């Protein structure tokens, strides 16, 4: 090691065949780890996209149900509109903030149950009508979408796979550290770039595996849009 003009320079000679001996190990580990990381990102992205589409479908179903109330008698129409709006408001507000923990609120659950109760009530004049049957079908879709949204809030990547991803990243960076380059600074810069890249990719996997609870993930915008559509329907537009 030699110091010249305040600069640190590594003067140790690189052993002959050192990099050649490590190269097969680094290549093998890099290929295996890259395949595992790439596969995990693809699966996590598919799950994220599915969660995003499911939220949009749930909000769209609410809008369809609210429009269907136009064809109901006035008492049932008022009840159903209040319940649909109550459900959308609860999901868009308090329940959404509990999504990352797969949490729910009593208000949304009660609104969903009350819609079934109104349709199936003995005094209901809607259940046997065509609009009532259509509304019941949409209500069933809504319940299914809700259950799927709650399940999507739970992380899907198991802890064992996370262990493999983290350990594999450490091994790749460690093997890179045993390689020898003529420039020490260049070597450190290269290792730092690899470490930052792997850290970024692992963060992306974590973010995709937690689709709710952050501004970069799935937001409650579809339900906010549904509430604005409800207001337009109330105005007759």
C-alpha atoms as a PDB file:
ATOM      1  CA  UNK A   1       0.000   0.000   0.000  1.00  0.00           C
ATOM      2  CA  UNK A   2       1.510   3.368  -1.011  1.00  0.00           C
ATOM      3  CA  UNK A   3       0.485   6.960  -0.238  1.00  0.00           C
ATOM      4  CA  UNK A   4       1.356   9.524  -2.901  1.00  0.00           C
ATOM      5  CA  UNK A   5       0.216  13.171  -2.889  1.00  0.00           C
ATOM      6  CA  UNK A   6      -2.539  12.421  -0.377  1.00  0.00           C
ATOM      7  CA  UNK A   7      -3.979   9.600  -2.513  1.00  0.00           C
ATOM      8  CA  UNK A   8      -4.256   5.987  -1.509  1.00  0.00           C
ATOM      9  CA  UNK A   9      -3.136   3.443  -4.059  1.00  0.00           C
ATOM     10  CA  UNK A  10      -3.024  -0.333  -3.805  1.00  0.00           C
ATOM     11  CA  UNK A  11       0.347  -1.499  -5.075  1.00  0.00           C
ATOM     12  CA  UNK A  12      -0.085  -5.173  -4.300  1.00  0.00           C
ATOM     13  CA  UNK A  13       0.263  -7.301  -7.401  1.00  0.00           C
ATOM     14  CA  UNK A  14      -2.803  -9.246  -8.525  1.00  0.00           C
ATOM     15  CA  UNK A  15      -2.072 -12.982  -8.216  1.00  0.00           C
ATOM     16  CA  UNK A  16      -2.037 -14.793 -11.534  1.00  0.00           C
ATOM     17  CA  UNK A  17      -5.267 -16.724 -12.041  1.00  0.00           C
ATOM     18  CA  UNK A  18      -6.982 -15.196  -8.976  1.00  0.00           C
ATOM     19  CA  UNK A  19      -9.903 -13.670 -10.869  1.00  0.00           C
ATOM     20  CA  UNK A  20     -10.030 -16.639 -13.240  1.00  0.00           C
ATOM     21  CA  UNK A  21     -10.516 -18.998 -10.277  1.00  0.00           C
ATOM     22  CA  UNK A  22     -13.313 -16.911  -8.744  1.00  0.00           C
ATOM     23  CA  UNK A  23     -15.075 -16.076 -11.989  1.00  0.00           C
ATOM     24  CA  UNK A  24     -16.936 -19.423 -12.380  1.00  0.00           C
ATOM     25  CA  UNK A  25     -18.276 -19.193  -8.812  1.00  0.00           C
ATOM     26  CA  UNK A  26     -19.413 -15.591  -9.277  1.00  0.00           C
ATOM     27  CA  UNK A  27     -21.009 -16.434 -12.633  1.00  0.00           C
ATOM     28  CA  UNK A  28     -22.869 -19.451 -11.242  1.00  0.00           C
ATOM     29  CA  UNK A  29     -24.125 -17.635  -8.140  1.00  0.00           C
ATOM     30  CA  UNK A  30     -25.048 -14.570 -10.201  1.00  0.00           C
ATOM     31  CA  UNK A  31     -27.080 -16.601 -12.690  1.00  0.00           C
ATOM     32  CA  UNK A  32     -28.960 -18.543 -10.007  1.00  0.00           C
ATOM     33  CA  UNK A  33     -29.620 -15.451  -7.908  1.00  0.00           C
ATOM     34  CA  UNK A  34     -30.623 -13.396 -10.939  1.00  0.00           C
ATOM     35  CA  UNK A  35     -33.122 -16.067 -12.016  1.00  0.00           C
ATOM     36  CA  UNK A  36     -34.596 -16.265  -8.502  1.00  0.00           C
ATOM     37  CA  UNK A  37     -34.825 -12.497  -8.131  1.00  0.00           C
ATOM     38  CA  UNK A  38     -36.293 -12.033 -11.609  1.00  0.00           C
ATOM     39  CA  UNK A  39     -38.908 -14.738 -11.035  1.00  0.00           C
ATOM     40  CA  UNK A  40     -39.868 -13.183  -7.698  1.00  0.00           C
ATOM     41  CA  UNK A  41     -40.274  -9.730  -9.239  1.00  0.00           C
ATOM     42  CA  UNK A  42     -42.474 -11.090 -12.039  1.00  0.00           C
ATOM     43  CA  UNK A  43     -44.735 -12.965  -9.599  1.00  0.00           C
ATOM     44  CA  UNK A  44     -44.921  -9.971  -7.240  1.00  0.00           C
ATOM     45  CA  UNK A  45     -45.801  -7.662 -10.146  1.00  0.00           C
ATOM     46  CA  UNK A  46     -48.590  -9.989 -11.288  1.00  0.00           C
ATOM     47  CA  UNK A  47     -50.007 -10.035  -7.759  1.00  0.00           C
ATOM     48  CA  UNK A  48     -49.765  -6.246  -7.524  1.00  0.00           C
ATOM     49  CA  UNK A  49     -51.516  -5.786 -10.877  1.00  0.00           C
ATOM     50  CA  UNK A  50     -54.227  -8.225  -9.825  1.00  0.00           C
ATOM     51  CA  UNK A  51     -54.818  -6.300  -6.580  1.00  0.00           C
ATOM     52  CA  UNK A  52     -55.008  -3.016  -8.478  1.00  0.00           C
ATOM     53  CA  UNK A  53     -57.483  -4.437 -11.009  1.00  0.00           C
ATOM     54  CA  UNK A  54     -59.596  -5.961  -8.236  1.00  0.00           C
ATOM     55  CA  UNK A  55     -59.912  -2.601  -6.464  1.00  0.00           C
ATOM     56  CA  UNK A  56     -60.984  -0.957  -9.721  1.00  0.00           C
ATOM     57  CA  UNK A  57     -63.567  -3.717 -10.295  1.00  0.00           C
ATOM     58  CA  UNK A  58     -64.953  -3.327  -6.773  1.00  0.00           C
ATOM     59  CA  UNK A  59     -65.370   0.426  -7.207  1.00  0.00           C
ATOM     60  CA  UNK A  60     -66.911  -0.070 -10.663  1.00  0.00           C
ATOM     61  CA  UNK A  61     -69.387  -2.566  -9.233  1.00  0.00           C
ATOM     62  CA  UNK A  62     -70.458  -0.014  -6.632  1.00  0.00           C
ATOM     63  CA  UNK A  63     -71.113   2.538  -9.379  1.00  0.00           C
ATOM     64  CA  UNK A  64     -73.201   0.030 -11.337  1.00  0.00           C
ATOM     65  CA  UNK A  65     -75.222  -0.853  -8.230  1.00  0.00           C
ATOM     66  CA  UNK A  66     -75.911   2.797  -7.483  1.00  0.00           C
ATOM     67  CA  UNK A  67     -77.171   3.357 -11.023  1.00  0.00           C
ATOM     68  CA  UNK A  68     -79.398   0.283 -10.776  1.00  0.00           C
ATOM     69  CA  UNK A  69     -81.247   1.834  -7.842  1.00  0.00           C
ATOM     70  CA  UNK A  70     -82.856   4.253 -10.324  1.00  0.00           C
ATOM     71  CA  UNK A  71     -85.255   1.455 -11.316  1.00  0.00           C
ATOM     72  CA  UNK A  72     -86.254   0.606  -7.717  1.00  0.00           C
ATOM     73  CA  UNK A  73     -89.327   1.852  -5.822  1.00  0.00           C
ATOM     74  CA  UNK A  74     -88.629   4.930  -3.716  1.00  0.00           C
ATOM     75  CA  UNK A  75     -88.333   3.269  -0.249  1.00  0.00           C
ATOM     76  CA  UNK A  76     -85.887   0.588  -1.429  1.00  0.00           C
ATOM     77  CA  UNK A  77     -84.080   3.097  -3.634  1.00  0.00           C
ATOM     78  CA  UNK A  78     -83.407   5.382  -0.666  1.00  0.00           C
ATOM     79  CA  UNK A  79     -82.266   2.488   1.506  1.00  0.00           C
ATOM     80  CA  UNK A  80     -79.964   1.008  -1.108  1.00  0.00           C
ATOM     81  CA  UNK A  81     -78.396   4.314  -2.041  1.00  0.00           C
ATOM     82  CA  UNK A  82     -77.671   5.069   1.604  1.00  0.00           C
ATOM     83  CA  UNK A  83     -76.104   1.623   2.091  1.00  0.00           C
ATOM     84  CA  UNK A  84     -74.005   1.739  -1.087  1.00  0.00           C
ATOM     85  CA  UNK A  85     -72.748   5.209  -0.229  1.00  0.00           C
ATOM     86  CA  UNK A  86     -72.078   4.120   3.354  1.00  0.00           C
ATOM     87  CA  UNK A  87     -70.044   1.164   2.101  1.00  0.00           C
ATOM     88  CA  UNK A  88     -68.002   3.256  -0.363  1.00  0.00           C
ATOM     89  CA  UNK A  89     -67.306   5.955   2.235  1.00  0.00           C
ATOM     90  CA  UNK A  90     -66.145   3.393   4.800  1.00  0.00           C
ATOM     91  CA  UNK A  91     -63.830   1.623   2.333  1.00  0.00           C
ATOM     92  CA  UNK A  92     -62.404   4.869   0.941  1.00  0.00           C
ATOM     93  CA  UNK A  93     -61.756   6.236   4.446  1.00  0.00           C
ATOM     94  CA  UNK A  94     -61.186   4.241   7.645  1.00  0.00           C
ATOM     95  CA  UNK A  95     -60.935   0.794   6.085  1.00  0.00           C
ATOM     96  CA  UNK A  96     -58.381   1.828   3.482  1.00  0.00           C
ATOM     97  CA  UNK A  97     -55.880   2.883   6.130  1.00  0.00           C
ATOM     98  CA  UNK A  98     -56.021  -0.654   7.552  1.00  0.00           C
ATOM     99  CA  UNK A  99     -55.504  -2.356   4.191  1.00  0.00           C
ATOM    100  CA  UNK A 100     -51.797  -3.083   4.651  1.00  0.00           C
ATOM    101  CA  UNK A 101     -52.678  -5.199   7.709  1.00  0.00           C
ATOM    102  CA  UNK A 102     -55.627  -6.849   5.931  1.00  0.00           C
ATOM    103  CA  UNK A 103     -57.912  -4.958   8.304  1.00  0.00           C
ATOM    104  CA  UNK A 104     -61.621  -4.213   7.858  1.00  0.00           C
ATOM    105  CA  UNK A 105     -64.214  -1.961   9.447  1.00  0.00           C
ATOM    106  CA  UNK A 106     -67.545  -2.867  10.973  1.00  0.00           C
ATOM    107  CA  UNK A 107     -69.268  -0.097   8.991  1.00  0.00           C
ATOM    108  CA  UNK A 108     -68.449  -1.601   5.585  1.00  0.00           C
ATOM    109  CA  UNK A 109     -69.292  -5.144   6.689  1.00  0.00           C
ATOM    110  CA  UNK A 110     -72.597  -4.018   8.178  1.00  0.00           C
ATOM    111  CA  UNK A 111     -73.537  -2.088   5.017  1.00  0.00           C
ATOM    112  CA  UNK A 112     -72.889  -5.149   2.873  1.00  0.00           C
ATOM    113  CA  UNK A 113     -74.962  -7.373   5.169  1.00  0.00           C
ATOM    114  CA  UNK A 114     -77.804  -4.837   5.295  1.00  0.00           C
ATOM    115  CA  UNK A 115     -78.006  -4.774   1.486  1.00  0.00           C
ATOM    116  CA  UNK A 116     -78.617  -8.528   1.496  1.00  0.00           C
ATOM    117  CA  UNK A 117     -81.138  -8.075   4.289  1.00  0.00           C
ATOM    118  CA  UNK A 118     -83.109  -5.409   2.393  1.00  0.00           C
ATOM    119  CA  UNK A 119     -83.202  -7.517  -0.774  1.00  0.00           C
ATOM    120  CA  UNK A 120     -84.290 -10.642   1.069  1.00  0.00           C
ATOM    121  CA  UNK A 121     -86.787  -8.981   3.394  1.00  0.00           C
ATOM    122  CA  UNK A 122     -90.354 -10.235   3.455  1.00  0.00           C
ATOM    123  CA  UNK A 123     -91.687  -6.758   2.677  1.00  0.00           C
ATOM    124  CA  UNK A 124     -89.300  -6.156  -0.189  1.00  0.00           C
ATOM    125  CA  UNK A 125     -90.922  -5.630  -3.580  1.00  0.00           C
ATOM    126  CA  UNK A 126     -87.571  -5.609  -5.395  1.00  0.00           C
ATOM    127  CA  UNK A 127     -86.208  -9.122  -4.859  1.00  0.00           C
ATOM    128  CA  UNK A 128     -88.424 -10.814  -7.473  1.00  0.00           C
ATOM    129  CA  UNK A 129     -88.131  -8.036 -10.057  1.00  0.00           C
ATOM    130  CA  UNK A 130     -85.569  -8.092 -12.882  1.00  0.00           C
ATOM    131  CA  UNK A 131     -83.738  -5.073 -11.457  1.00  0.00           C
ATOM    132  CA  UNK A 132     -83.622  -6.801  -8.077  1.00  0.00           C
ATOM    133  CA  UNK A 133     -82.059  -9.917  -9.603  1.00  0.00           C
ATOM    134  CA  UNK A 134     -79.477  -7.813 -11.421  1.00  0.00           C
ATOM    135  CA  UNK A 135     -78.716  -5.918  -8.232  1.00  0.00           C
ATOM    136  CA  UNK A 136     -78.312  -9.177  -6.337  1.00  0.00           C
ATOM    137  CA  UNK A 137     -75.842 -10.423  -8.935  1.00  0.00           C
ATOM    138  CA  UNK A 138     -73.794  -7.227  -8.630  1.00  0.00           C
ATOM    139  CA  UNK A 139     -73.948  -7.491  -4.838  1.00  0.00           C
ATOM    140  CA  UNK A 140     -72.484 -10.981  -5.020  1.00  0.00           C
ATOM    141  CA  UNK A 141     -69.678  -9.704  -7.238  1.00  0.00           C
ATOM    142  CA  UNK A 142     -69.044  -6.895  -4.755  1.00  0.00           C
ATOM    143  CA  UNK A 143     -68.764  -9.326  -1.840  1.00  0.00           C
ATOM    144  CA  UNK A 144     -66.334 -11.482  -3.823  1.00  0.00           C
ATOM    145  CA  UNK A 145     -64.189  -8.475  -4.802  1.00  0.00           C
ATOM    146  CA  UNK A 146     -64.147  -7.314  -1.192  1.00  0.00           C
ATOM    147  CA  UNK A 147     -62.931 -10.683   0.060  1.00  0.00           C
ATOM    148  CA  UNK A 148     -60.211 -10.747  -2.600  1.00  0.00           C
ATOM    149  CA  UNK A 149     -59.096  -7.214  -1.676  1.00  0.00           C
ATOM    150  CA  UNK A 150     -58.731  -8.208   1.959  1.00  0.00           C
ATOM    151  CA  UNK A 151     -56.670 -11.255   0.972  1.00  0.00           C
ATOM    152  CA  UNK A 152     -54.492  -9.119  -1.314  1.00  0.00           C
ATOM    153  CA  UNK A 153     -53.523  -7.026   1.713  1.00  0.00           C
ATOM    154  CA  UNK A 154     -51.601  -9.970   3.152  1.00  0.00           C
ATOM    155  CA  UNK A 155     -47.973 -10.470   2.004  1.00  0.00           C
ATOM    156  CA  UNK A 156     -47.658 -13.421  -0.365  1.00  0.00           C
ATOM    157  CA  UNK A 157     -43.864 -13.912  -0.422  1.00  0.00           C
ATOM    158  CA  UNK A 158     -42.898 -16.348   2.377  1.00  0.00           C
ATOM    159  CA  UNK A 159     -40.177 -15.575   4.880  1.00  0.00           C
ATOM    160  CA  UNK A 160     -38.015 -18.459   3.628  1.00  0.00           C
ATOM    161  CA  UNK A 161     -37.885 -16.896   0.162  1.00  0.00           C
ATOM    162  CA  UNK A 162     -36.978 -13.531   1.660  1.00  0.00           C
ATOM    163  CA  UNK A 163     -34.132 -15.239   3.515  1.00  0.00           C
ATOM    164  CA  UNK A 164     -32.852 -16.702   0.264  1.00  0.00           C
ATOM    165  CA  UNK A 165     -33.059 -13.348  -1.519  1.00  0.00           C
ATOM    166  CA  UNK A 166     -31.212 -11.466   1.219  1.00  0.00           C
ATOM    167  CA  UNK A 167     -28.548 -14.137   1.700  1.00  0.00           C
ATOM    168  CA  UNK A 168     -28.064 -14.462  -2.044  1.00  0.00           C
ATOM    169  CA  UNK A 169     -27.526 -10.713  -2.365  1.00  0.00           C
ATOM    170  CA  UNK A 170     -24.879 -10.791   0.364  1.00  0.00           C
ATOM    171  CA  UNK A 171     -23.104 -13.711  -1.335  1.00  0.00           C
ATOM    172  CA  UNK A 172     -23.053 -11.937  -4.716  1.00  0.00           C
ATOM    173  CA  UNK A 173     -21.604  -8.756  -3.237  1.00  0.00           C
ATOM    174  CA  UNK A 174     -19.153 -10.785  -1.106  1.00  0.00           C
ATOM    175  CA  UNK A 175     -17.837 -12.738  -4.057  1.00  0.00           C
ATOM    176  CA  UNK A 176     -17.447  -9.490  -5.960  1.00  0.00           C
ATOM    177  CA  UNK A 177     -15.382  -8.177  -3.073  1.00  0.00           C
ATOM    178  CA  UNK A 178     -12.907 -11.052  -3.410  1.00  0.00           C
ATOM    179  CA  UNK A 179     -12.261 -10.170  -7.027  1.00  0.00           C
ATOM    180  CA  UNK A 180      -9.197  -8.021  -7.745  1.00  0.00           C
ATOM    181  CA  UNK A 181      -9.024  -4.947  -9.961  1.00  0.00           C
ATOM    182  CA  UNK A 182      -6.091  -2.670 -10.597  1.00  0.00           C
ATOM    183  CA  UNK A 183      -8.024   0.348  -9.279  1.00  0.00           C
ATOM    184  CA  UNK A 184      -9.188   0.080  -5.683  1.00  0.00           C
ATOM    185  CA  UNK A 185     -11.540   3.005  -6.086  1.00  0.00           C
ATOM    186  CA  UNK A 186     -12.996   1.512  -9.234  1.00  0.00           C
ATOM    187  CA  UNK A 187     -13.492  -1.794  -7.436  1.00  0.00           C
ATOM    188  CA  UNK A 188     -15.308  -0.103  -4.532  1.00  0.00           C
ATOM    189  CA  UNK A 189     -17.439   1.931  -6.923  1.00  0.00           C
ATOM    190  CA  UNK A 190     -18.430  -1.210  -8.829  1.00  0.00           C
ATOM    191  CA  UNK A 191     -19.328  -3.099  -5.645  1.00  0.00           C
ATOM    192  CA  UNK A 192     -21.317  -0.126  -4.382  1.00  0.00           C
ATOM    193  CA  UNK A 193     -23.271   0.050  -7.636  1.00  0.00           C
ATOM    194  CA  UNK A 194     -24.079  -3.669  -7.469  1.00  0.00           C
ATOM    195  CA  UNK A 195     -25.138  -3.382  -3.818  1.00  0.00           C
ATOM    196  CA  UNK A 196     -27.382  -0.381  -4.556  1.00  0.00           C
ATOM    197  CA  UNK A 197     -28.942  -2.183  -7.536  1.00  0.00           C
ATOM    198  CA  UNK A 198     -29.706  -5.305  -5.511  1.00  0.00           C
ATOM    199  CA  UNK A 199     -31.087  -3.200  -2.659  1.00  0.00           C
ATOM    200  CA  UNK A 200     -33.350  -1.316  -5.068  1.00  0.00           C
ATOM    201  CA  UNK A 201     -34.640  -4.531  -6.618  1.00  0.00           C
ATOM    202  CA  UNK A 202     -35.342  -6.024  -3.185  1.00  0.00           C
ATOM    203  CA  UNK A 203     -37.199  -2.845  -2.216  1.00  0.00           C
ATOM    204  CA  UNK A 204     -39.302  -3.163  -5.371  1.00  0.00           C
ATOM    205  CA  UNK A 205     -40.183  -6.749  -4.414  1.00  0.00           C
ATOM    206  CA  UNK A 206     -41.184  -5.604  -0.908  1.00  0.00           C
ATOM    207  CA  UNK A 207     -43.248  -2.733  -2.319  1.00  0.00           C
ATOM    208  CA  UNK A 208     -45.057  -4.996  -4.793  1.00  0.00           C
ATOM    209  CA  UNK A 209     -45.732  -7.519  -2.018  1.00  0.00           C
ATOM    210  CA  UNK A 210     -47.427  -4.772   0.051  1.00  0.00           C
ATOM    211  CA  UNK A 211     -49.774  -3.144  -2.498  1.00  0.00           C
ATOM    212  CA  UNK A 212     -51.710  -1.106   0.075  1.00  0.00           C
ATOM    213  CA  UNK A 213     -50.664   1.380   2.711  1.00  0.00           C
ATOM    214  CA  UNK A 214     -48.286   3.604   0.714  1.00  0.00           C
ATOM    215  CA  UNK A 215     -48.575   6.368  -1.858  1.00  0.00           C
ATOM    216  CA  UNK A 216     -46.663   4.348  -4.454  1.00  0.00           C
ATOM    217  CA  UNK A 217     -49.036   1.402  -4.183  1.00  0.00           C
ATOM    218  CA  UNK A 218     -52.733   0.934  -4.914  1.00  0.00           C
ATOM    219  CA  UNK A 219     -54.711   3.945  -3.742  1.00  0.00           C
ATOM    220  CA  UNK A 220     -58.361   4.541  -2.906  1.00  0.00           C
ATOM    221  CA  UNK A 221     -58.824   6.794  -5.965  1.00  0.00           C
ATOM    222  CA  UNK A 222     -61.376   4.410  -7.628  1.00  0.00           C
ATOM    223  CA  UNK A 223     -63.661   4.672  -4.589  1.00  0.00           C
ATOM    224  CA  UNK A 224     -63.266   8.454  -4.496  1.00  0.00           C
ATOM    225  CA  UNK A 225     -64.340   8.500  -8.153  1.00  0.00           C
ATOM    226  CA  UNK A 226     -67.338   6.297  -7.326  1.00  0.00           C
ATOM    227  CA  UNK A 227     -68.478   8.744  -4.639  1.00  0.00           C
ATOM    228  CA  UNK A 228     -68.300  11.590  -7.134  1.00  0.00           C
ATOM    229  CA  UNK A 229     -70.379   9.522  -9.595  1.00  0.00           C
ATOM    230  CA  UNK A 230     -72.955   8.915  -6.829  1.00  0.00           C
ATOM    231  CA  UNK A 231     -73.343  12.664  -6.450  1.00  0.00           C
ATOM    232  CA  UNK A 232     -73.838  13.019 -10.211  1.00  0.00           C
ATOM    233  CA  UNK A 233     -76.514  10.290 -10.204  1.00  0.00           C
ATOM    234  CA  UNK A 234     -78.323  12.048  -7.334  1.00  0.00           C
ATOM    235  CA  UNK A 235     -78.415  15.158  -9.493  1.00  0.00           C
ATOM    236  CA  UNK A 236     -79.974  13.130 -12.283  1.00  0.00           C
ATOM    237  CA  UNK A 237     -76.941  13.062 -14.565  1.00  0.00           C
END
